Protein backbone atom coordinates (compact mmCIF):
# COMPACT_ATOMS: atom_id res chain seq x y z
CA UNK A 1 0.27 0.13 -0.71
CA UNK A 2 2.80 1.93 0.91
CA UNK A 3 4.77 1.51 -2.67
CA UNK A 4 1.82 2.22 -4.70
CA UNK A 5 0.61 5.21 -2.76
CA UNK A 6 4.34 6.61 -2.72
CA UNK A 7 4.08 6.03 -6.86
CA UNK A 8 0.94 7.75 -7.02
CA UNK A 9 2.62 10.85 -5.62
CA UNK A 10 5.87 10.65 -7.40
CA UNK A 11 3.89 10.13 -10.99
CA UNK A 12 0.95 12.89 -9.71
CA UNK A 13 -1.85 10.42 -10.88
CA UNK A 14 -4.07 7.62 -9.76
CA UNK A 15 -1.55 4.37 -9.48
CA UNK A 16 -4.05 0.61 -8.05
CA UNK A 17 -6.60 2.81 -7.26
CA UNK A 18 -4.75 5.09 -5.06
CA UNK A 19 -5.48 8.72 -5.67
CA UNK A 20 -2.15 11.11 -6.19
CA UNK A 21 -1.89 13.45 -3.18
CA UNK A 22 -2.01 17.15 -3.08
CA UNK A 23 1.24 17.07 -1.02
CA UNK A 24 3.75 19.48 -2.59
CA UNK A 25 7.24 17.62 -1.20
CA UNK A 26 7.95 14.18 0.10
CA UNK A 27 8.05 15.42 3.96
CA UNK A 28 4.75 16.71 3.63
CA UNK A 29 3.57 13.13 1.97
CA UNK A 30 5.10 11.27 4.55
CA UNK A 31 3.61 13.22 7.34
CA UNK A 32 0.30 12.95 5.82
CA UNK A 33 0.27 9.22 4.68
CA UNK A 34 -2.82 7.43 4.59
CA UNK A 35 -2.56 4.43 6.93
CA UNK A 36 -6.10 3.68 6.50
CA UNK A 37 -6.09 3.04 3.01
CA UNK A 38 -3.82 -0.18 4.10
CA UNK A 39 -6.72 -1.54 5.63
CA UNK A 40 -8.69 -2.14 2.52
CA UNK A 41 -7.22 -3.54 -0.31
CA UNK A 42 -10.17 -6.38 -0.64
CA UNK A 43 -13.31 -5.16 -1.85
CA UNK A 44 -15.93 -5.34 0.93
CA UNK A 45 -13.44 -6.46 3.54
CA UNK A 46 -10.74 -4.94 5.95
CA UNK A 47 -7.44 -6.26 6.23
CA UNK A 48 -5.36 -6.00 9.30
CA UNK A 49 -1.86 -7.17 9.20
CA UNK A 50 -0.45 -7.43 13.22
CA UNK A 51 2.06 -4.06 12.50
CA UNK A 52 -1.09 -1.86 12.13
CA UNK A 53 -2.99 -3.77 14.84
CA UNK A 54 -0.73 -2.98 17.43
CA UNK A 55 0.34 0.43 15.58
CA UNK A 56 -3.15 1.81 16.42
CA UNK A 57 -4.06 -0.46 19.74
CA UNK A 58 -6.62 -2.36 17.89
CA UNK A 59 -6.41 -4.89 20.35
CA UNK A 60 -9.52 -7.02 19.19
CA UNK A 61 -9.73 -11.31 20.24
CA UNK A 62 -8.13 -11.86 17.02
CA UNK A 63 -4.78 -9.72 17.92
CA UNK A 64 -4.64 -10.83 21.35
CA UNK A 65 -4.82 -14.33 20.48
CA UNK A 66 -1.69 -14.26 18.28
CA UNK A 67 0.75 -15.23 20.98
CA UNK A 68 -1.28 -18.19 21.68
CA UNK A 69 -1.39 -19.15 17.87
CA UNK A 70 2.39 -19.31 18.04
CA UNK A 71 2.19 -21.08 21.26
CA UNK A 72 0.12 -23.73 19.76
CA UNK A 73 2.35 -24.03 16.48
CA UNK A 74 5.41 -24.48 19.00
CA UNK A 75 4.00 -27.50 20.61
CA UNK A 76 3.11 -29.11 17.65
CA UNK A 77 6.69 -28.70 16.65
CA UNK A 78 7.73 -29.75 19.72
CA UNK A 79 5.85 -32.85 19.55
CA UNK A 80 6.85 -33.58 15.44
CA UNK A 81 10.80 -32.96 16.77
CA UNK A 82 10.77 -35.17 19.91
CA UNK A 83 11.95 -38.69 19.65
CA UNK A 84 9.52 -41.77 19.63
CA UNK A 85 9.69 -42.83 22.96
CA UNK A 86 8.95 -47.07 23.50
CA UNK A 87 5.42 -47.55 23.23
CA UNK A 88 5.34 -49.98 27.09
CA UNK A 89 6.86 -48.11 28.80
CA UNK A 90 5.22 -46.08 31.79
CA UNK A 91 7.22 -43.05 31.03
CA UNK A 92 5.73 -43.08 27.36
CA UNK A 93 2.60 -43.44 28.58
CA UNK A 94 2.90 -40.53 31.02
CA UNK A 95 4.40 -38.19 28.70
CA UNK A 96 1.50 -38.93 26.18
CA UNK A 97 -1.14 -38.56 28.79
CA UNK A 98 0.59 -34.92 29.60
CA UNK A 99 1.21 -34.31 25.73
CA UNK A 100 -2.47 -34.51 25.15
CA UNK A 101 -3.85 -32.60 27.91
CA UNK A 102 -1.11 -30.07 27.14
CA UNK A 103 -2.46 -29.52 23.49
CA UNK A 104 -5.78 -30.01 24.23
CA UNK A 105 -5.72 -26.97 26.90
CA UNK A 106 -3.93 -24.97 24.37
CA UNK A 107 -5.99 -25.60 21.66
CA UNK A 108 -8.96 -25.20 23.63
CA UNK A 109 -7.93 -21.76 24.60
CA UNK A 110 -7.84 -20.54 21.16
CA UNK A 111 -11.68 -21.17 21.10
CA UNK A 112 -12.06 -19.22 24.52
CA UNK A 113 -10.25 -15.85 23.60
CA UNK A 114 -11.17 -15.74 19.17
CA UNK A 115 -13.23 -18.40 18.32
CA UNK A 116 -12.62 -17.85 14.58
CA UNK A 117 -8.76 -19.35 15.10
CA UNK A 118 -10.01 -22.88 16.74
CA UNK A 119 -10.96 -24.01 13.64
CA UNK A 120 -7.61 -23.42 11.93
CA UNK A 121 -5.56 -24.79 14.47
CA UNK A 122 -7.44 -27.66 14.38
CA UNK A 123 -7.02 -28.21 11.06
CA UNK A 124 -3.40 -27.83 10.95
CA UNK A 125 -2.78 -30.17 14.18
CA UNK A 126 -4.90 -32.45 11.83
CA UNK A 127 -2.56 -31.72 9.04
CA UNK A 128 0.51 -32.18 10.92
CA UNK A 129 -1.07 -35.63 12.09
CA UNK A 130 -1.44 -37.09 8.59
CA UNK A 131 1.51 -35.54 6.71
CA UNK A 132 3.95 -35.27 9.50
CA UNK A 133 3.25 -38.60 11.47
CA UNK A 134 3.76 -36.86 14.52
CA UNK A 135 3.86 -39.43 17.28
CA UNK A 136 -0.09 -39.05 18.20
CA UNK A 137 -2.49 -41.89 17.07
CA UNK A 138 -5.69 -40.84 16.13
CA UNK A 139 -7.18 -42.00 19.64
CA UNK A 140 -4.72 -39.19 21.16
CA UNK A 141 -5.85 -36.97 18.60
CA UNK A 142 -9.41 -37.12 19.24
CA UNK A 143 -8.74 -36.69 23.02
CA UNK A 144 -6.61 -33.58 22.17
CA UNK A 145 -10.09 -32.21 20.57
CA UNK A 146 -12.52 -33.56 23.29
CA UNK A 147 -10.26 -32.06 25.88
CA UNK A 148 -10.04 -28.73 23.92
CA UNK A 149 -13.78 -28.63 24.49
CA UNK A 150 -14.11 -30.26 27.95
CA UNK A 151 -11.62 -27.89 29.42
CA UNK A 152 -14.06 -24.93 28.51
CA UNK A 153 -16.79 -26.17 28.74
CA UNK A 154 -18.52 -23.77 31.19
CA UNK A 155 -17.70 -20.89 28.48
CA UNK A 156 -19.18 -22.46 25.64
CA UNK A 157 -22.94 -23.03 27.73
CA UNK A 158 -23.05 -20.10 28.77
CA UNK A 159 -21.63 -18.21 26.39
CA UNK A 160 -24.02 -16.56 23.18
CA UNK A 161 -23.71 -17.28 19.96
CA UNK A 162 -22.31 -13.91 19.33
CA UNK A 163 -23.04 -13.05 15.42
CA UNK A 164 -23.16 -16.64 13.93
CA UNK A 165 -25.88 -17.32 11.97
CA UNK A 166 -24.74 -20.06 9.80
CA UNK A 167 -22.38 -20.85 6.37
CA UNK A 168 -22.88 -19.23 3.11
CA UNK A 169 -21.55 -19.19 -0.73
CA UNK A 170 -19.84 -16.13 -1.87
CA UNK A 171 -20.41 -14.54 -4.90
CA UNK A 172 -17.60 -12.20 -4.82
CA UNK A 173 -14.32 -13.49 -4.38
CA UNK A 174 -10.99 -11.34 -4.10
CA UNK A 175 -9.24 -10.61 -6.76
CA UNK A 176 -5.70 -11.75 -7.85
CA UNK A 177 -3.98 -8.22 -7.79
CA UNK A 178 -5.56 -7.47 -4.34
CA UNK A 179 -4.40 -10.87 -2.96
CA UNK A 180 -0.95 -10.26 -4.27
CA UNK A 181 -1.06 -7.19 -2.98
CA UNK A 182 -1.66 -8.30 0.71
CA UNK A 183 0.75 -11.16 0.90
CA UNK A 184 3.52 -10.00 -1.86
CA UNK A 185 6.31 -10.69 0.83
CA UNK A 186 4.88 -14.06 2.05
CA UNK A 187 4.11 -15.30 -1.71
CA UNK A 188 7.76 -14.36 -2.78
CA UNK A 189 9.89 -16.22 -0.33
CA UNK A 190 7.59 -19.09 -1.02
CA UNK A 191 7.35 -19.46 -4.30
CA UNK A 192 11.20 -18.73 -4.21
CA UNK A 193 11.42 -21.94 -2.12
CA UNK A 194 9.12 -23.87 -4.68
CA UNK A 195 11.87 -23.05 -7.40
CA UNK A 196 14.79 -23.25 -5.77
CA UNK A 197 13.17 -26.85 -4.42
CA UNK A 198 12.04 -28.17 -8.00
CA UNK A 199 14.59 -25.88 -10.39
CA UNK A 200 16.84 -29.08 -11.11
CA UNK A 201 13.77 -30.90 -12.37
CA UNK A 202 11.61 -28.19 -13.94
CA UNK A 203 12.78 -28.18 -17.45
CA UNK A 204 14.03 -31.52 -18.07
CA UNK A 205 12.88 -34.10 -20.44
CA UNK A 206 8.84 -34.96 -20.07
CA UNK A 207 9.03 -32.83 -16.75
CA UNK A 208 7.96 -29.53 -19.22
CA UNK A 209 5.28 -31.08 -20.91
CA UNK A 210 3.61 -32.01 -17.87
CA UNK A 211 4.44 -28.56 -16.29
CA UNK A 212 3.19 -26.32 -19.68
CA UNK A 213 -0.18 -28.89 -19.22
CA UNK A 214 -0.47 -28.06 -15.35
CA UNK A 215 -0.24 -24.49 -16.17
CA UNK A 216 -2.56 -24.74 -18.81
CA UNK A 217 -4.98 -26.50 -16.76
CA UNK A 218 -5.17 -23.96 -14.25
CA UNK A 219 -5.40 -20.88 -15.77
CA UNK A 220 -8.16 -22.69 -17.84
CA UNK A 221 -10.17 -23.43 -14.55
CA UNK A 222 -9.29 -20.05 -12.93
CA UNK A 223 -10.65 -18.59 -16.09
CA UNK A 224 -13.69 -20.67 -16.54
CA UNK A 225 -15.02 -20.44 -12.96
CA UNK A 226 -14.27 -16.71 -12.52
CA UNK A 227 -11.80 -17.89 -9.83
CA UNK A 228 -8.61 -15.75 -10.17
CA UNK A 229 -6.65 -17.28 -6.90
CA UNK A 230 -6.58 -20.48 -8.28
CA UNK A 231 -3.30 -19.25 -9.98
CA UNK A 232 -1.93 -19.11 -6.50
CA UNK A 233 -3.59 -21.52 -4.52
CA UNK A 234 -3.36 -24.56 -6.41
CA UNK A 235 0.34 -24.57 -6.43
CA UNK A 236 -0.07 -23.48 -2.80
CA UNK A 237 -1.61 -26.48 -1.99
CA UNK A 238 -0.28 -28.71 -4.32
CA UNK A 239 3.56 -28.57 -4.32
CA UNK A 240 3.83 -28.99 0.10
CA UNK A 241 1.40 -31.84 -0.72
CA UNK A 242 3.60 -33.51 -2.53
CA UNK A 243 6.82 -32.26 -1.13
CA UNK A 244 5.68 -33.27 2.31
CA UNK A 245 4.27 -36.82 0.86
CA UNK A 246 7.28 -37.49 -0.91
CA UNK A 247 10.19 -37.15 1.68
CA UNK A 248 10.98 -40.29 3.38
CA UNK A 249 11.95 -38.68 6.30
CA UNK A 250 10.36 -35.45 7.82
CA UNK A 251 12.09 -32.70 8.96
CA UNK A 252 11.86 -28.87 9.45
CA UNK A 253 11.23 -28.06 5.90
CA UNK A 254 7.77 -30.47 5.67
CA UNK A 255 6.79 -28.98 8.82
CA UNK A 256 7.12 -25.46 7.31
CA UNK A 257 4.97 -26.64 4.01
CA UNK A 258 2.37 -28.05 5.93
CA UNK A 259 1.92 -24.23 8.01
CA UNK A 260 2.00 -23.14 4.17
CA UNK A 261 -0.47 -25.74 3.42
CA UNK A 262 -2.50 -25.04 6.20
CA UNK A 263 -3.15 -21.41 5.22
CA UNK A 264 -3.67 -22.01 1.45
CA UNK A 265 -6.45 -23.78 2.76
CA UNK A 266 -7.72 -21.91 4.43
CA UNK A 267 -7.57 -18.82 1.79
CA UNK A 268 -9.36 -21.52 -0.40
CA UNK A 269 -12.47 -21.55 2.50
CA UNK A 270 -12.53 -17.57 2.48
CA UNK A 271 -12.95 -17.68 -1.72
CA UNK A 272 -16.16 -20.27 -1.41
CA UNK A 273 -17.47 -19.91 1.54
CA UNK A 274 -18.13 -17.21 4.91
CA UNK A 275 -19.55 -17.05 8.01
CA UNK A 276 -22.98 -15.21 7.55
CA UNK A 277 -23.23 -12.47 10.38
CA UNK A 278 -25.73 -9.23 11.06
CA UNK A 279 -23.47 -7.80 7.87
CA UNK A 280 -24.90 -8.12 4.95
CA UNK A 281 -24.82 -7.12 0.74
CA UNK A 282 -21.52 -6.00 -0.31
CA UNK A 283 -20.02 -6.56 3.21
CA UNK A 284 -21.10 -9.98 3.74
CA UNK A 285 -17.85 -11.77 3.82
CA UNK A 286 -16.03 -8.75 5.76
CA UNK A 287 -16.00 -10.29 9.11
CA UNK A 288 -14.81 -13.92 7.97
CA UNK A 289 -12.08 -11.85 5.98
CA UNK A 290 -11.31 -10.05 8.64
CA UNK A 291 -10.61 -12.64 11.40
CA UNK A 292 -9.45 -15.67 8.98
CA UNK A 293 -6.82 -13.56 7.04
CA UNK A 294 -4.89 -12.33 10.18
CA UNK A 295 -4.48 -15.92 11.08
CA UNK A 296 -3.45 -16.84 7.53
CA UNK A 297 -0.83 -13.54 7.73
CA UNK A 298 0.72 -15.83 10.79
CA UNK A 299 0.70 -18.90 9.06
CA UNK A 300 2.43 -17.75 6.02
CA UNK A 301 4.77 -15.21 8.11
CA UNK A 302 6.32 -18.52 10.16
CA UNK A 303 6.36 -20.49 6.47
CA UNK A 304 8.06 -17.71 4.76
CA UNK A 305 10.51 -16.80 7.21
CA UNK A 306 11.69 -20.64 7.30
CA UNK A 307 11.75 -20.39 3.19
CA UNK A 308 14.08 -17.05 3.29
CA UNK A 309 16.51 -19.04 5.17
CA UNK A 310 16.42 -22.37 2.82
CA UNK A 311 16.96 -20.28 -0.45
CA UNK A 312 19.95 -18.15 1.29
CA UNK A 313 21.51 -21.29 2.48
CA UNK A 314 20.78 -23.55 -0.93
CA UNK A 315 21.50 -20.80 -3.77
CA UNK A 316 24.97 -20.32 -4.85
CA UNK A 317 24.75 -18.57 -8.34
CA UNK A 318 24.83 -14.47 -8.51
CA UNK A 319 20.97 -14.50 -8.64
CA UNK A 320 20.94 -14.95 -5.11
CA UNK A 321 21.85 -10.75 -4.92
CA UNK A 322 19.14 -10.05 -6.73
CA UNK A 323 16.72 -12.24 -5.12
CA UNK A 324 18.04 -10.63 -1.52
CA UNK A 325 17.59 -7.22 -2.96
CA UNK A 326 13.87 -7.66 -4.30
CA UNK A 327 13.28 -9.50 -0.73
CA UNK A 328 15.00 -6.29 0.96
CA UNK A 329 12.33 -3.71 -1.42
CA UNK A 330 9.14 -6.12 -0.34
């Protein structure tokens, strides 16, 4: 948003719906910088990134639960990295019980602070169990979900339904450029990771034909369904699924890809459904986007941070300096 506003000021004309200001100098433009516009990048919905929320003291529940989102991700990471204990040992059984209690307490607390984040991180826990094969069987996973509700049952029984009505199917979706404007930094890091990972296999033999066909199919489906975001979402879903599935030894990289996959699936949900609230008309999906996109920001940010580390340590060509420059500009 800042880059487009600066371009509009410098070129003295509208850029990406940002109007040229009446400021006569750069210091004057900087003093009158429009922070609010950065929240309205998607039609009919507000986008609040963590920095803006803290900057203006906008500490709603979806902001105050960010540390607890990070806590739950860290607990799943710890479980993923932990060495498997002997299943018959008393120590292993007590550790498993403690793990179930801690995970259930942490997952349930998300529903207590901000109910919107609960399904997101329950999805992440399930994906981690299925794809990363964490040391948590189906019974234990179901135990975690059950305890996450039981621990906070008094709250769930006594609270109201809030503004929740039902789930509806959206008619107006986020445009591709709008989504890129919001998540450009994270998308750049993640797709750079995809390229560096597959660069040795993308342009060899039959792979070129397969890639060309896939690109044509994805572009055609996006055009026919008027669903622009599929151009980004399909790779963001399929590449992590393929990489995690094919990896024999699941490591930190696969954990990062699972975070990106969870974020992409939540984006897909927001582009098909919305939670009905008292708001309607052009702002029907306002609340859904506001709450879920902040969680997507957290998931993509964690994955992108690891992607930057990975790309820097697996690229030796001079292009790395160009890549770092682009990353810095973003």
